[in-house]
Amino acid sequence: MSEPPAKKRLPIRWLTLAEIVGLIAVVIAGLGYWDSHRERSFEARERASAERERKAEASREAQTGALKQTFLITATPQGSGDWLRLTAVHPEQVVQTQSVTFPSAVRPDPIETTGNPRVEEGWLGAGILKAEKGRGQAGKEVRGRLPLGIVTVYIEDGQTRSDRALYLMGYSVHPRTLRADRVELEGLSLVRRGVGEDVQAAVDALWLAADARP
């Protein structure tokens, strides 16, 4: 019985020094490329992050500037609610004059103030009592809100500006024995800014809309 022929071994070829040096150079070049690519990616992420932060900062500055330019009034009751002291939220906005418009059913003509922004009960108390009487609320404890149109001229950063807005003024009516019911003014809340030229029409529309509610 004959033995199978022995398998031939493949000849072993050792790399030459030049080939080894070339292989090392390829490996080093690959590592250098990978490191350079990683560095470029890191720099790109850093630039993207810095750009996002720059845009966010610009947005914050724009919002701050817009907020600064917004004119808003707060009201503080004085005495026992006999009148409201009106104050700009931003102290750098100095009120010069104001024109306060009321619903025609309460007071048909606006009140002009100069240098002392306010709303007095004496301007509208009788009109409020008349309106509440028309609603069948005479002699009752009542809480309500009255629309006001306020056009303000003010100074900001040395420039004269103006604001036209609708507000709701809170009030309460307190019955009194042998005397007329007492109207107490409570405060203001903003409805909207940018009212058109016909402030009276805007105030009356808001007043009628409130009356139409069930």
N, C-alpha and C. Protein backbone atom coordinates (compact mmCIF):
# COMPACT_ATOMS: atom_id res chain seq x y z
N MET A 1 0.85 -1.19 0.00
CA MET A 1 0.00 0.00 0.00
C MET A 1 0.88 1.24 0.00
N SER A 2 0.65 2.12 -0.94
CA SER A 2 1.55 3.27 -1.08
C SER A 2 1.11 4.42 -0.18
N GLU A 3 2.05 5.18 0.36
CA GLU A 3 1.76 6.34 1.22
C GLU A 3 1.38 7.55 0.38
N PRO A 4 0.41 8.39 0.94
CA PRO A 4 0.03 9.59 0.19
C PRO A 4 1.20 10.55 0.09
N PRO A 5 1.23 11.26 -1.00
CA PRO A 5 2.37 12.19 -1.16
C PRO A 5 2.33 13.30 -0.11
N ALA A 6 3.41 13.68 0.39
CA ALA A 6 3.50 14.74 1.42
C ALA A 6 3.11 16.08 0.82
N LYS A 7 2.36 16.89 1.63
CA LYS A 7 1.95 18.22 1.17
C LYS A 7 3.15 19.14 1.09
N LYS A 8 3.14 19.91 0.03
CA LYS A 8 4.22 20.86 -0.15
C LYS A 8 3.99 22.10 0.71
N ARG A 9 4.95 22.50 1.43
CA ARG A 9 4.86 23.74 2.22
C ARG A 9 5.16 24.94 1.34
N LEU A 10 4.30 25.97 1.57
CA LEU A 10 4.53 27.19 0.82
C LEU A 10 5.82 27.84 1.31
N PRO A 11 6.52 28.40 0.43
CA PRO A 11 7.79 29.02 0.86
C PRO A 11 7.52 30.28 1.67
N ILE A 12 8.22 30.46 2.74
CA ILE A 12 8.08 31.64 3.60
C ILE A 12 8.95 32.76 3.04
N ARG A 13 8.26 33.95 2.85
CA ARG A 13 9.00 35.10 2.33
C ARG A 13 9.07 36.17 3.40
N TRP A 14 10.21 36.47 3.84
CA TRP A 14 10.40 37.50 4.85
C TRP A 14 10.41 38.88 4.19
N LEU A 15 9.78 39.83 4.91
CA LEU A 15 9.77 41.19 4.39
C LEU A 15 11.15 41.79 4.44
N THR A 16 11.41 42.54 3.41
CA THR A 16 12.70 43.22 3.39
C THR A 16 12.64 44.44 4.30
N LEU A 17 13.78 44.96 4.64
CA LEU A 17 13.84 46.14 5.51
C LEU A 17 13.09 47.30 4.87
N ALA A 18 13.22 47.44 3.55
CA ALA A 18 12.55 48.56 2.86
C ALA A 18 11.04 48.40 2.96
N GLU A 19 10.56 47.15 2.83
CA GLU A 19 9.12 46.91 2.92
C GLU A 19 8.60 47.17 4.33
N ILE A 20 9.41 46.75 5.33
CA ILE A 20 9.01 47.01 6.72
C ILE A 20 8.94 48.51 6.98
N VAL A 21 9.95 49.23 6.50
CA VAL A 21 9.95 50.68 6.68
C VAL A 21 8.74 51.31 5.98
N GLY A 22 8.41 50.80 4.78
CA GLY A 22 7.25 51.32 4.04
C GLY A 22 5.95 51.04 4.77
N LEU A 23 5.84 49.83 5.35
CA LEU A 23 4.63 49.49 6.09
C LEU A 23 4.47 50.37 7.32
N ILE A 24 5.58 50.59 8.03
CA ILE A 24 5.53 51.48 9.20
C ILE A 24 5.12 52.88 8.78
N ALA A 25 5.64 53.32 7.63
CA ALA A 25 5.29 54.66 7.14
C ALA A 25 3.80 54.75 6.84
N VAL A 26 3.24 53.66 6.24
CA VAL A 26 1.80 53.66 5.95
C VAL A 26 0.99 53.73 7.25
N VAL A 27 1.41 52.95 8.25
CA VAL A 27 0.71 52.94 9.53
C VAL A 27 0.79 54.33 10.18
N ILE A 28 1.99 54.91 10.15
CA ILE A 28 2.15 56.25 10.75
C ILE A 28 1.30 57.27 10.01
N ALA A 29 1.28 57.16 8.67
CA ALA A 29 0.46 58.09 7.88
C ALA A 29 -1.02 57.93 8.21
N GLY A 30 -1.46 56.66 8.37
CA GLY A 30 -2.86 56.42 8.73
C GLY A 30 -3.20 56.99 10.09
N LEU A 31 -2.30 56.77 11.06
CA LEU A 31 -2.54 57.33 12.39
C LEU A 31 -2.56 58.85 12.34
N GLY A 32 -1.66 59.43 11.54
CA GLY A 32 -1.64 60.89 11.42
C GLY A 32 -2.91 61.42 10.79
N TYR A 33 -3.41 60.70 9.75
CA TYR A 33 -4.66 61.13 9.10
C TYR A 33 -5.83 61.04 10.08
N TRP A 34 -5.88 59.92 10.82
CA TRP A 34 -6.97 59.74 11.79
C TRP A 34 -6.93 60.82 12.86
N ASP A 35 -5.72 61.13 13.35
CA ASP A 35 -5.58 62.16 14.38
C ASP A 35 -5.95 63.53 13.82
N SER A 36 -5.53 63.80 12.57
CA SER A 36 -5.89 65.08 11.94
C SER A 36 -7.39 65.18 11.73
N HIS A 37 -8.01 64.06 11.30
CA HIS A 37 -9.47 64.06 11.10
C HIS A 37 -10.20 64.28 12.42
N ARG A 38 -9.73 63.63 13.48
CA ARG A 38 -10.35 63.80 14.79
C ARG A 38 -10.20 65.25 15.27
N GLU A 39 -9.05 65.86 15.01
CA GLU A 39 -8.84 67.25 15.42
C GLU A 39 -9.74 68.20 14.64
N ARG A 40 -9.89 67.93 13.31
CA ARG A 40 -10.77 68.77 12.50
C ARG A 40 -12.23 68.63 12.96
N SER A 41 -12.64 67.41 13.29
CA SER A 41 -14.00 67.18 13.76
C SER A 41 -14.24 67.91 15.08
N PHE A 42 -13.25 67.86 15.97
CA PHE A 42 -13.37 68.54 17.26
C PHE A 42 -13.47 70.06 17.05
N GLU A 43 -12.62 70.59 16.14
CA GLU A 43 -12.67 72.03 15.86
C GLU A 43 -14.00 72.42 15.23
N ALA A 44 -14.54 71.54 14.35
CA ALA A 44 -15.83 71.84 13.74
C ALA A 44 -16.93 71.87 14.78
N ARG A 45 -16.90 70.92 15.73
CA ARG A 45 -17.89 70.92 16.80
C ARG A 45 -17.76 72.15 17.67
N GLU A 46 -16.51 72.55 17.94
CA GLU A 46 -16.27 73.75 18.74
C GLU A 46 -16.81 75.00 18.03
N ARG A 47 -16.56 75.09 16.71
CA ARG A 47 -17.06 76.24 15.95
C ARG A 47 -18.59 76.26 15.94
N ALA A 48 -19.20 75.06 15.75
CA ALA A 48 -20.66 74.99 15.73
C ALA A 48 -21.24 75.38 17.08
N SER A 49 -20.59 74.93 18.16
CA SER A 49 -21.06 75.27 19.50
C SER A 49 -20.92 76.77 19.75
N ALA A 50 -19.79 77.34 19.32
CA ALA A 50 -19.58 78.78 19.50
C ALA A 50 -20.59 79.58 18.68
N GLU A 51 -20.92 79.10 17.48
CA GLU A 51 -21.90 79.80 16.64
C GLU A 51 -23.29 79.75 17.26
N ARG A 52 -23.66 78.57 17.82
CA ARG A 52 -24.95 78.46 18.50
C ARG A 52 -25.03 79.40 19.69
N GLU A 53 -23.93 79.48 20.44
CA GLU A 53 -23.90 80.35 21.61
C GLU A 53 -23.98 81.82 21.19
N ARG A 54 -23.30 82.15 20.06
CA ARG A 54 -23.36 83.53 19.56
C ARG A 54 -24.78 83.90 19.15
N LYS A 55 -25.45 82.97 18.45
CA LYS A 55 -26.83 83.24 18.02
C LYS A 55 -27.77 83.34 19.22
N ALA A 56 -27.55 82.47 20.22
CA ALA A 56 -28.40 82.52 21.42
C ALA A 56 -28.20 83.84 22.16
N GLU A 57 -26.95 84.31 22.23
CA GLU A 57 -26.66 85.58 22.89
C GLU A 57 -27.29 86.74 22.13
N ALA A 58 -27.21 86.68 20.79
CA ALA A 58 -27.83 87.73 19.98
C ALA A 58 -29.34 87.74 20.17
N SER A 59 -29.92 86.53 20.28
CA SER A 59 -31.37 86.45 20.49
C SER A 59 -31.74 87.02 21.85
N ARG A 60 -30.93 86.70 22.88
CA ARG A 60 -31.20 87.24 24.22
C ARG A 60 -31.09 88.76 24.22
N GLU A 61 -30.08 89.29 23.53
CA GLU A 61 -29.92 90.74 23.48
C GLU A 61 -31.09 91.39 22.75
N ALA A 62 -31.55 90.73 21.67
CA ALA A 62 -32.69 91.28 20.92
C ALA A 62 -33.95 91.28 21.79
N GLN A 63 -34.14 90.18 22.54
CA GLN A 63 -35.31 90.11 23.42
C GLN A 63 -35.23 91.17 24.52
N THR A 64 -34.01 91.35 25.06
CA THR A 64 -33.84 92.36 26.10
C THR A 64 -34.12 93.76 25.55
N GLY A 65 -33.63 94.02 24.31
CA GLY A 65 -33.88 95.31 23.70
C GLY A 65 -35.35 95.53 23.44
N ALA A 66 -36.04 94.48 22.96
CA ALA A 66 -37.47 94.60 22.70
C ALA A 66 -38.24 94.84 23.99
N LEU A 67 -37.83 94.11 25.05
CA LEU A 67 -38.50 94.28 26.34
C LEU A 67 -38.28 95.69 26.87
N LYS A 68 -37.06 96.20 26.67
CA LYS A 68 -36.77 97.55 27.15
C LYS A 68 -37.65 98.58 26.44
N GLN A 69 -37.91 98.37 25.14
CA GLN A 69 -38.69 99.32 24.38
C GLN A 69 -40.18 99.22 24.68
N THR A 70 -40.62 98.10 25.24
CA THR A 70 -42.04 97.93 25.54
C THR A 70 -42.46 98.86 26.67
N PHE A 71 -43.51 99.60 26.44
CA PHE A 71 -44.03 100.51 27.47
C PHE A 71 -45.21 99.83 28.16
N LEU A 72 -45.15 99.77 29.47
CA LEU A 72 -46.20 99.13 30.24
C LEU A 72 -46.45 99.93 31.51
N ILE A 73 -47.73 100.06 31.85
CA ILE A 73 -48.12 100.85 33.01
C ILE A 73 -48.58 99.92 34.13
N THR A 74 -48.19 100.25 35.34
CA THR A 74 -48.77 99.62 36.52
C THR A 74 -49.53 100.70 37.30
N ALA A 75 -50.50 100.27 38.08
CA ALA A 75 -51.32 101.22 38.84
C ALA A 75 -51.31 100.86 40.31
N THR A 76 -51.13 101.87 41.14
CA THR A 76 -51.12 101.67 42.59
C THR A 76 -52.27 102.47 43.21
N PRO A 77 -53.22 101.79 43.89
CA PRO A 77 -54.33 102.53 44.52
C PRO A 77 -53.81 103.49 45.59
N GLN A 78 -54.37 104.67 45.63
CA GLN A 78 -54.01 105.67 46.62
C GLN A 78 -55.23 105.99 47.48
N GLY A 79 -54.95 106.37 48.75
CA GLY A 79 -56.03 106.63 49.69
C GLY A 79 -56.81 105.35 49.92
N SER A 80 -58.10 105.41 49.80
CA SER A 80 -58.95 104.22 49.93
C SER A 80 -59.49 103.83 48.57
N GLY A 81 -58.60 103.86 47.56
CA GLY A 81 -59.04 103.57 46.20
C GLY A 81 -59.68 104.76 45.53
N ASP A 82 -59.39 105.98 46.05
CA ASP A 82 -59.96 107.19 45.45
C ASP A 82 -59.32 107.51 44.11
N TRP A 83 -58.07 107.09 43.92
CA TRP A 83 -57.41 107.31 42.64
C TRP A 83 -56.27 106.32 42.48
N LEU A 84 -55.82 106.16 41.24
CA LEU A 84 -54.72 105.25 40.91
C LEU A 84 -53.53 106.06 40.44
N ARG A 85 -52.38 105.78 41.03
CA ARG A 85 -51.14 106.38 40.53
C ARG A 85 -50.60 105.47 39.43
N LEU A 86 -50.41 106.01 38.23
CA LEU A 86 -49.91 105.24 37.10
C LEU A 86 -48.40 105.42 36.97
N THR A 87 -47.69 104.30 36.80
CA THR A 87 -46.23 104.34 36.75
C THR A 87 -45.74 103.44 35.62
N ALA A 88 -44.74 103.92 34.87
CA ALA A 88 -44.11 103.08 33.85
C ALA A 88 -43.28 101.99 34.53
N VAL A 89 -43.36 100.78 34.00
CA VAL A 89 -42.60 99.66 34.59
C VAL A 89 -41.11 99.94 34.54
N HIS A 90 -40.62 100.49 33.42
CA HIS A 90 -39.20 100.78 33.27
C HIS A 90 -38.93 102.22 33.73
N PRO A 91 -38.11 102.40 34.74
CA PRO A 91 -37.91 103.74 35.30
C PRO A 91 -37.26 104.71 34.34
N GLU A 92 -36.55 104.20 33.30
CA GLU A 92 -35.92 105.11 32.34
C GLU A 92 -36.94 105.70 31.36
N GLN A 93 -38.16 105.22 31.39
CA GLN A 93 -39.23 105.77 30.55
C GLN A 93 -40.01 106.79 31.39
N VAL A 94 -39.86 108.05 31.03
CA VAL A 94 -40.44 109.15 31.81
C VAL A 94 -41.71 109.64 31.12
N VAL A 95 -42.84 109.47 31.78
CA VAL A 95 -44.12 109.88 31.21
C VAL A 95 -44.22 111.40 31.16
N GLN A 96 -44.63 111.91 30.01
CA GLN A 96 -44.84 113.35 29.84
C GLN A 96 -46.33 113.70 29.90
N THR A 97 -47.10 113.12 29.01
CA THR A 97 -48.55 113.39 28.99
C THR A 97 -49.30 112.07 28.76
N GLN A 98 -50.57 112.08 29.17
CA GLN A 98 -51.44 110.94 28.91
C GLN A 98 -52.83 111.44 28.57
N SER A 99 -53.49 110.68 27.68
CA SER A 99 -54.90 110.90 27.37
C SER A 99 -55.62 109.61 27.73
N VAL A 100 -56.56 109.69 28.67
CA VAL A 100 -57.28 108.50 29.15
C VAL A 100 -58.71 108.55 28.60
N THR A 101 -59.08 107.52 27.85
CA THR A 101 -60.40 107.44 27.23
C THR A 101 -61.24 106.37 27.93
N PHE A 102 -62.49 106.69 28.22
CA PHE A 102 -63.41 105.80 28.94
C PHE A 102 -64.53 105.34 28.00
N PRO A 103 -65.26 104.29 28.38
CA PRO A 103 -66.44 103.94 27.59
C PRO A 103 -67.40 105.14 27.52
N SER A 104 -67.99 105.35 26.36
CA SER A 104 -68.89 106.50 26.19
C SER A 104 -70.03 106.48 27.20
N ALA A 105 -70.49 105.29 27.59
CA ALA A 105 -71.60 105.19 28.53
C ALA A 105 -71.20 105.62 29.94
N VAL A 106 -69.90 105.66 30.21
CA VAL A 106 -69.41 106.04 31.53
C VAL A 106 -68.95 107.49 31.55
N ARG A 107 -68.16 107.87 30.54
CA ARG A 107 -67.71 109.27 30.41
C ARG A 107 -67.40 109.52 28.95
N PRO A 108 -68.10 110.46 28.30
CA PRO A 108 -67.96 110.62 26.85
C PRO A 108 -66.69 111.33 26.40
N ASP A 109 -66.02 112.06 27.29
CA ASP A 109 -64.84 112.81 26.89
C ASP A 109 -63.60 112.29 27.61
N PRO A 110 -62.45 112.29 26.93
CA PRO A 110 -61.21 111.82 27.57
C PRO A 110 -60.67 112.84 28.56
N ILE A 111 -59.79 112.36 29.42
CA ILE A 111 -59.09 113.22 30.38
C ILE A 111 -57.63 113.31 29.96
N GLU A 112 -57.09 114.52 29.95
CA GLU A 112 -55.69 114.75 29.61
C GLU A 112 -54.91 115.06 30.89
N THR A 113 -53.77 114.41 31.06
CA THR A 113 -52.91 114.71 32.21
C THR A 113 -51.52 115.10 31.72
N THR A 114 -50.82 115.87 32.51
CA THR A 114 -49.45 116.30 32.18
C THR A 114 -48.57 116.13 33.41
N GLY A 115 -47.58 115.25 33.30
CA GLY A 115 -46.59 115.11 34.35
C GLY A 115 -47.06 114.43 35.62
N ASN A 116 -48.32 114.05 35.72
CA ASN A 116 -48.83 113.37 36.92
C ASN A 116 -49.81 112.28 36.48
N PRO A 117 -49.31 111.20 35.92
CA PRO A 117 -50.20 110.16 35.37
C PRO A 117 -51.05 109.51 36.46
N ARG A 118 -52.37 109.50 36.24
CA ARG A 118 -53.27 108.99 37.27
C ARG A 118 -54.66 108.77 36.67
N VAL A 119 -55.50 108.08 37.44
CA VAL A 119 -56.93 107.96 37.14
C VAL A 119 -57.66 108.23 38.45
N GLU A 120 -58.60 109.16 38.42
CA GLU A 120 -59.31 109.54 39.63
C GLU A 120 -60.74 108.99 39.63
N GLU A 121 -61.19 108.58 40.79
CA GLU A 121 -62.56 108.09 40.92
C GLU A 121 -63.57 109.16 40.54
N GLY A 122 -63.25 110.41 40.83
CA GLY A 122 -64.16 111.50 40.51
C GLY A 122 -64.41 111.67 39.02
N TRP A 123 -63.51 111.13 38.18
CA TRP A 123 -63.69 111.24 36.74
C TRP A 123 -64.77 110.29 36.23
N LEU A 124 -64.98 109.19 36.92
CA LEU A 124 -65.81 108.13 36.35
C LEU A 124 -66.73 107.43 37.34
N GLY A 125 -66.64 107.79 38.62
CA GLY A 125 -67.45 107.10 39.63
C GLY A 125 -68.95 107.17 39.33
N ALA A 126 -69.45 108.38 38.99
CA ALA A 126 -70.87 108.54 38.72
C ALA A 126 -71.29 107.73 37.50
N GLY A 127 -70.40 107.67 36.48
CA GLY A 127 -70.71 106.89 35.28
C GLY A 127 -70.77 105.40 35.57
N ILE A 128 -69.86 104.92 36.44
CA ILE A 128 -69.88 103.50 36.80
C ILE A 128 -71.16 103.16 37.55
N LEU A 129 -71.55 104.02 38.51
CA LEU A 129 -72.78 103.77 39.26
C LEU A 129 -74.00 103.77 38.33
N LYS A 130 -74.02 104.68 37.36
CA LYS A 130 -75.12 104.72 36.41
C LYS A 130 -75.18 103.45 35.59
N ALA A 131 -73.99 102.99 35.13
CA ALA A 131 -73.94 101.76 34.33
C ALA A 131 -74.39 100.55 35.14
N GLU A 132 -73.94 100.47 36.40
CA GLU A 132 -74.34 99.33 37.24
C GLU A 132 -75.83 99.38 37.56
N LYS A 133 -76.38 100.59 37.71
CA LYS A 133 -77.82 100.71 37.93
C LYS A 133 -78.59 100.20 36.72
N GLY A 134 -78.08 100.52 35.52
CA GLY A 134 -78.71 100.04 34.30
C GLY A 134 -78.67 98.53 34.19
N ARG A 135 -77.72 97.92 34.85
CA ARG A 135 -77.62 96.45 34.84
C ARG A 135 -78.43 95.83 35.97
N GLY A 136 -79.12 96.66 36.74
CA GLY A 136 -79.90 96.14 37.86
C GLY A 136 -79.08 95.85 39.10
N GLN A 137 -77.91 96.50 39.22
CA GLN A 137 -77.02 96.23 40.34
C GLN A 137 -77.00 97.36 41.37
N ALA A 138 -77.94 98.31 41.29
CA ALA A 138 -77.95 99.43 42.23
C ALA A 138 -78.13 98.91 43.66
N GLY A 139 -77.33 99.48 44.58
CA GLY A 139 -77.42 99.10 45.99
C GLY A 139 -76.80 97.76 46.31
N LYS A 140 -76.06 97.17 45.38
CA LYS A 140 -75.43 95.87 45.61
C LYS A 140 -73.91 95.99 45.62
N GLU A 141 -73.29 95.06 46.31
CA GLU A 141 -71.82 94.96 46.29
C GLU A 141 -71.42 94.40 44.92
N VAL A 142 -70.61 95.16 44.21
CA VAL A 142 -70.27 94.78 42.84
C VAL A 142 -68.76 94.88 42.64
N ARG A 143 -68.23 93.94 41.86
CA ARG A 143 -66.84 94.02 41.40
C ARG A 143 -66.87 93.95 39.88
N GLY A 144 -66.13 94.82 39.24
CA GLY A 144 -66.14 94.85 37.79
C GLY A 144 -64.84 95.33 37.21
N ARG A 145 -64.79 95.35 35.88
CA ARG A 145 -63.61 95.83 35.17
C ARG A 145 -64.07 96.79 34.07
N LEU A 146 -63.38 97.90 34.00
CA LEU A 146 -63.75 98.97 33.06
C LEU A 146 -62.62 99.15 32.04
N PRO A 147 -62.93 99.06 30.72
CA PRO A 147 -61.87 99.28 29.73
C PRO A 147 -61.46 100.74 29.65
N LEU A 148 -60.18 100.96 29.54
CA LEU A 148 -59.62 102.30 29.37
C LEU A 148 -58.68 102.30 28.17
N GLY A 149 -58.72 103.36 27.39
CA GLY A 149 -57.72 103.57 26.35
C GLY A 149 -56.74 104.63 26.83
N ILE A 150 -55.46 104.29 26.87
CA ILE A 150 -54.47 105.23 27.40
C ILE A 150 -53.42 105.49 26.33
N VAL A 151 -53.34 106.74 25.91
CA VAL A 151 -52.31 107.18 24.96
C VAL A 151 -51.27 107.95 25.75
N THR A 152 -50.05 107.44 25.74
CA THR A 152 -48.97 108.02 26.56
C THR A 152 -47.86 108.57 25.69
N VAL A 153 -47.41 109.76 26.00
CA VAL A 153 -46.20 110.32 25.40
C VAL A 153 -45.12 110.29 26.48
N TYR A 154 -43.96 109.69 26.18
CA TYR A 154 -42.92 109.53 27.19
C TYR A 154 -41.55 109.72 26.56
N ILE A 155 -40.56 109.91 27.42
CA ILE A 155 -39.17 110.10 26.99
C ILE A 155 -38.38 108.85 27.34
N GLU A 156 -37.63 108.35 26.36
CA GLU A 156 -36.73 107.21 26.60
C GLU A 156 -35.46 107.42 25.79
N ASP A 157 -34.30 107.30 26.46
CA ASP A 157 -33.01 107.51 25.80
C ASP A 157 -32.95 108.86 25.08
N GLY A 158 -33.58 109.87 25.68
CA GLY A 158 -33.55 111.21 25.11
C GLY A 158 -34.47 111.43 23.94
N GLN A 159 -35.27 110.42 23.59
CA GLN A 159 -36.18 110.53 22.46
C GLN A 159 -37.64 110.48 22.93
N THR A 160 -38.48 111.24 22.24
CA THR A 160 -39.91 111.25 22.57
C THR A 160 -40.60 110.11 21.84
N ARG A 161 -41.31 109.29 22.58
CA ARG A 161 -42.02 108.14 22.01
C ARG A 161 -43.48 108.19 22.46
N SER A 162 -44.29 107.33 21.87
CA SER A 162 -45.70 107.27 22.27
C SER A 162 -46.16 105.82 22.32
N ASP A 163 -47.18 105.58 23.11
CA ASP A 163 -47.76 104.25 23.25
C ASP A 163 -49.27 104.38 23.28
N ARG A 164 -49.95 103.50 22.57
CA ARG A 164 -51.41 103.51 22.52
C ARG A 164 -51.87 102.10 22.91
N ALA A 165 -52.57 102.01 24.04
CA ALA A 165 -52.91 100.69 24.56
C ALA A 165 -54.28 100.68 25.23
N LEU A 166 -54.84 99.47 25.30
CA LEU A 166 -56.08 99.23 26.03
C LEU A 166 -55.76 98.53 27.34
N TYR A 167 -56.38 99.00 28.40
CA TYR A 167 -56.23 98.40 29.72
C TYR A 167 -57.62 98.10 30.30
N LEU A 168 -57.64 97.19 31.24
CA LEU A 168 -58.85 96.98 32.04
C LEU A 168 -58.56 97.47 33.45
N MET A 169 -59.43 98.33 33.96
CA MET A 169 -59.29 98.84 35.32
C MET A 169 -60.26 98.11 36.24
N GLY A 170 -59.73 97.51 37.29
CA GLY A 170 -60.58 96.85 38.27
C GLY A 170 -61.20 97.86 39.22
N TYR A 171 -62.45 97.63 39.56
CA TYR A 171 -63.13 98.51 40.51
C TYR A 171 -64.13 97.70 41.33
N SER A 172 -64.56 98.26 42.43
CA SER A 172 -65.60 97.65 43.25
C SER A 172 -66.57 98.74 43.70
N VAL A 173 -67.81 98.35 43.87
CA VAL A 173 -68.85 99.27 44.32
C VAL A 173 -69.34 98.81 45.69
N HIS A 174 -69.39 99.74 46.65
CA HIS A 174 -69.78 99.42 48.02
C HIS A 174 -71.00 100.24 48.42
N PRO A 175 -72.14 99.59 48.69
CA PRO A 175 -73.35 100.33 49.12
C PRO A 175 -73.13 101.03 50.46
N ARG A 176 -73.78 102.20 50.61
CA ARG A 176 -73.70 102.94 51.86
C ARG A 176 -75.10 103.45 52.24
N THR A 177 -75.39 103.44 53.50
CA THR A 177 -76.70 103.88 53.98
C THR A 177 -76.80 105.41 53.92
N LEU A 178 -77.88 105.88 53.34
CA LEU A 178 -78.20 107.31 53.25
C LEU A 178 -77.17 108.11 52.45
N ARG A 179 -76.30 107.43 51.75
CA ARG A 179 -75.33 108.11 50.89
C ARG A 179 -75.20 107.32 49.59
N ALA A 180 -74.64 107.99 48.59
CA ALA A 180 -74.43 107.31 47.32
C ALA A 180 -73.43 106.17 47.50
N ASP A 181 -73.60 105.13 46.72
CA ASP A 181 -72.65 104.02 46.76
C ASP A 181 -71.23 104.52 46.46
N ARG A 182 -70.26 103.86 47.06
CA ARG A 182 -68.87 104.29 46.91
C ARG A 182 -68.16 103.40 45.89
N VAL A 183 -67.44 104.03 44.96
CA VAL A 183 -66.65 103.30 43.96
C VAL A 183 -65.18 103.32 44.38
N GLU A 184 -64.58 102.17 44.40
CA GLU A 184 -63.17 102.05 44.78
C GLU A 184 -62.38 101.53 43.58
N LEU A 185 -61.32 102.23 43.22
CA LEU A 185 -60.46 101.83 42.10
C LEU A 185 -59.38 100.88 42.62
N GLU A 186 -59.10 99.80 41.84
CA GLU A 186 -58.23 98.74 42.37
C GLU A 186 -56.93 98.53 41.60
N GLY A 187 -56.93 98.69 40.30
CA GLY A 187 -55.69 98.44 39.56
C GLY A 187 -55.93 98.33 38.07
N LEU A 188 -54.83 98.04 37.32
CA LEU A 188 -54.90 97.95 35.85
C LEU A 188 -54.28 96.65 35.37
N SER A 189 -54.80 96.15 34.26
CA SER A 189 -54.16 95.03 33.56
C SER A 189 -54.19 95.33 32.07
N LEU A 190 -53.10 95.01 31.37
CA LEU A 190 -52.98 95.30 29.94
C LEU A 190 -53.85 94.35 29.13
N VAL A 191 -54.58 94.91 28.16
CA VAL A 191 -55.34 94.09 27.20
C VAL A 191 -54.53 93.93 25.92
N ARG A 192 -54.15 95.03 25.31
CA ARG A 192 -53.31 94.98 24.12
C ARG A 192 -52.71 96.35 23.83
N ARG A 193 -51.59 96.33 23.13
CA ARG A 193 -50.92 97.55 22.71
C ARG A 193 -51.17 97.77 21.23
N GLY A 194 -50.69 98.89 20.71
CA GLY A 194 -50.82 99.15 19.29
C GLY A 194 -52.24 99.45 18.85
N VAL A 195 -52.99 100.15 19.68
CA VAL A 195 -54.36 100.53 19.33
C VAL A 195 -54.33 101.58 18.21
N GLY A 196 -55.30 101.52 17.31
CA GLY A 196 -55.35 102.46 16.20
C GLY A 196 -55.72 103.87 16.64
N GLU A 197 -55.97 104.71 15.64
CA GLU A 197 -56.25 106.12 15.91
C GLU A 197 -57.57 106.31 16.67
N ASP A 198 -58.57 105.49 16.38
CA ASP A 198 -59.87 105.66 17.02
C ASP A 198 -59.90 104.89 18.34
N VAL A 199 -59.31 105.49 19.36
CA VAL A 199 -59.23 104.85 20.67
C VAL A 199 -60.63 104.69 21.27
N GLN A 200 -61.49 105.69 21.08
CA GLN A 200 -62.84 105.64 21.65
C GLN A 200 -63.61 104.42 21.12
N ALA A 201 -63.50 104.15 19.83
CA ALA A 201 -64.20 103.00 19.25
C ALA A 201 -63.68 101.69 19.84
N ALA A 202 -62.37 101.59 20.05
CA ALA A 202 -61.79 100.38 20.61
C ALA A 202 -62.27 100.16 22.05
N VAL A 203 -62.33 101.25 22.83
CA VAL A 203 -62.79 101.14 24.22
C VAL A 203 -64.26 100.75 24.27
N ASP A 204 -65.08 101.38 23.44
CA ASP A 204 -66.52 101.08 23.43
C ASP A 204 -66.78 99.63 23.00
N ALA A 205 -66.00 99.16 22.03
CA ALA A 205 -66.17 97.78 21.57
C ALA A 205 -65.86 96.79 22.69
N LEU A 206 -64.81 97.07 23.45
CA LEU A 206 -64.46 96.19 24.56
C LEU A 206 -65.52 96.23 25.66
N TRP A 207 -66.07 97.41 25.90
CA TRP A 207 -67.13 97.59 26.91
C TRP A 207 -68.39 96.82 26.50
N LEU A 208 -68.79 96.93 25.23
CA LEU A 208 -69.97 96.24 24.75
C LEU A 208 -69.77 94.73 24.73
N ALA A 209 -68.55 94.29 24.42
CA ALA A 209 -68.27 92.85 24.42
C ALA A 209 -68.39 92.29 25.83
N ALA A 210 -67.94 93.05 26.82
CA ALA A 210 -68.07 92.60 28.22
C ALA A 210 -69.53 92.54 28.61
N ASP A 211 -70.35 93.50 28.16
CA ASP A 211 -71.79 93.50 28.47
C ASP A 211 -72.51 92.34 27.81
N ALA A 212 -71.98 91.87 26.67
CA ALA A 212 -72.66 90.80 25.94
C ALA A 212 -72.42 89.43 26.55
N ARG A 213 -71.44 89.32 27.46
CA ARG A 213 -71.17 88.02 28.07
C ARG A 213 -72.31 87.62 29.00
N PRO A 214 -72.63 86.31 29.02
CA PRO A 214 -73.71 85.86 29.92
C PRO A 214 -73.31 85.98 31.37
